[in-house]
Amino acid sequence: MAEQVEKPKWACVAEAFEASGQTQQEFALARDVRLSALQSWGNRPANDVP
């Protein structure tokens, strides 16, 4: 049986951004996330675990 791995926090935030319909700046301000962090998370492959 495969081990269940919890999705990293950054992946959840990146998915929430994609679904939000907001600009990166709007989303970052609303969620109190650094814009640069949001931008870097969007460029990570889905299977990249820090």
C-alpha atoms as a PDB file:
ATOM      1  CA  MET A   1       0.000   0.000   0.000  1.00  0.00           C
ATOM      2  CA  ALA A   2       1.336   3.442  -0.904  1.00  0.00           C
ATOM      3  CA  GLU A   3       2.149   5.797   1.933  1.00  0.00           C
ATOM      4  CA  GLN A   4      -0.155   8.814   2.032  1.00  0.00           C
ATOM      5  CA  VAL A   5       1.841  12.018   1.886  1.00  0.00           C
ATOM      6  CA  GLU A   6       0.265  15.260   2.985  1.00  0.00           C
ATOM      7  CA  LYS A   7       0.458  17.991   0.388  1.00  0.00           C
ATOM      8  CA  PRO A   8       2.985  20.677   1.386  1.00  0.00           C
ATOM      9  CA  LYS A   9       1.544  23.982   2.562  1.00  0.00           C
ATOM     10  CA  TRP A  10       2.968  25.823  -0.441  1.00  0.00           C
ATOM     11  CA  ALA A  11       1.115  23.497  -2.819  1.00  0.00           C
ATOM     12  CA  CYS A  12      -2.197  24.174  -1.037  1.00  0.00           C
ATOM     13  CA  VAL A  13      -1.617  27.924  -1.218  1.00  0.00           C
ATOM     14  CA  ALA A  14      -0.671  27.715  -4.904  1.00  0.00           C
ATOM     15  CA  GLU A  15      -3.865  25.754  -5.653  1.00  0.00           C
ATOM     16  CA  ALA A  16      -5.947  28.272  -3.700  1.00  0.00           C
ATOM     17  CA  PHE A  17      -4.388  31.067  -5.736  1.00  0.00           C
ATOM     18  CA  GLU A  18      -5.187  29.330  -9.020  1.00  0.00           C
ATOM     19  CA  ALA A  19      -8.817  28.906  -7.956  1.00  0.00           C
ATOM     20  CA  SER A  20      -9.172  32.447  -6.569  1.00  0.00           C
ATOM     21  CA  GLY A  21      -9.315  34.409  -9.812  1.00  0.00           C
ATOM     22  CA  GLN A  22      -7.242  37.118  -8.121  1.00  0.00           C
ATOM     23  CA  THR A  23      -4.005  38.628  -9.297  1.00  0.00           C
ATOM     24  CA  GLN A  24      -0.878  37.464  -7.493  1.00  0.00           C
ATOM     25  CA  GLN A  25      -0.657  40.797  -5.696  1.00  0.00           C
ATOM     26  CA  GLU A  26      -4.325  40.728  -4.585  1.00  0.00           C
ATOM     27  CA  PHE A  27      -4.031  37.149  -3.345  1.00  0.00           C
ATOM     28  CA  ALA A  28      -0.764  37.790  -1.499  1.00  0.00           C
ATOM     29  CA  LEU A  29      -2.220  40.815   0.286  1.00  0.00           C
ATOM     30  CA  ALA A  30      -5.450  39.000   1.201  1.00  0.00           C
ATOM     31  CA  ARG A  31      -3.627  35.917   2.546  1.00  0.00           C
ATOM     32  CA  ASP A  32      -0.705  37.760   4.156  1.00  0.00           C
ATOM     33  CA  VAL A  33       1.774  35.887   1.953  1.00  0.00           C
ATOM     34  CA  ARG A  34       4.893  37.474   0.476  1.00  0.00           C
ATOM     35  CA  LEU A  35       4.365  38.068  -3.238  1.00  0.00           C
ATOM     36  CA  SER A  36       7.835  36.697  -4.025  1.00  0.00           C
ATOM     37  CA  ALA A  37       7.035  33.485  -2.134  1.00  0.00           C
ATOM     38  CA  LEU A  38       3.763  33.035  -4.015  1.00  0.00           C
ATOM     39  CA  GLN A  39       5.557  33.560  -7.314  1.00  0.00           C
ATOM     40  CA  SER A  40       8.254  31.015  -6.490  1.00  0.00           C
ATOM     41  CA  TRP A  41       5.682  28.430  -5.322  1.00  0.00           C
ATOM     42  CA  GLY A  42       3.861  28.720  -8.621  1.00  0.00           C
ATOM     43  CA  ASN A  43       7.049  27.704 -10.417  1.00  0.00           C
ATOM     44  CA  ARG A  44       7.656  24.524  -8.389  1.00  0.00           C
ATOM     45  CA  PRO A  45       6.778  21.127  -9.809  1.00  0.00           C
ATOM     46  CA  ALA A  46       3.833  19.519  -7.980  1.00  0.00           C
ATOM     47  CA  ASN A  47       5.989  16.633  -6.711  1.00  0.00           C
ATOM     48  CA  ASP A  48       8.741  18.875  -5.282  1.00  0.00           C
ATOM     49  CA  VAL A  49       8.762  18.453  -1.509  1.00  0.00           C
ATOM     50  CA  PRO A  50      11.045  20.840   0.375  1.00  0.00           C
END
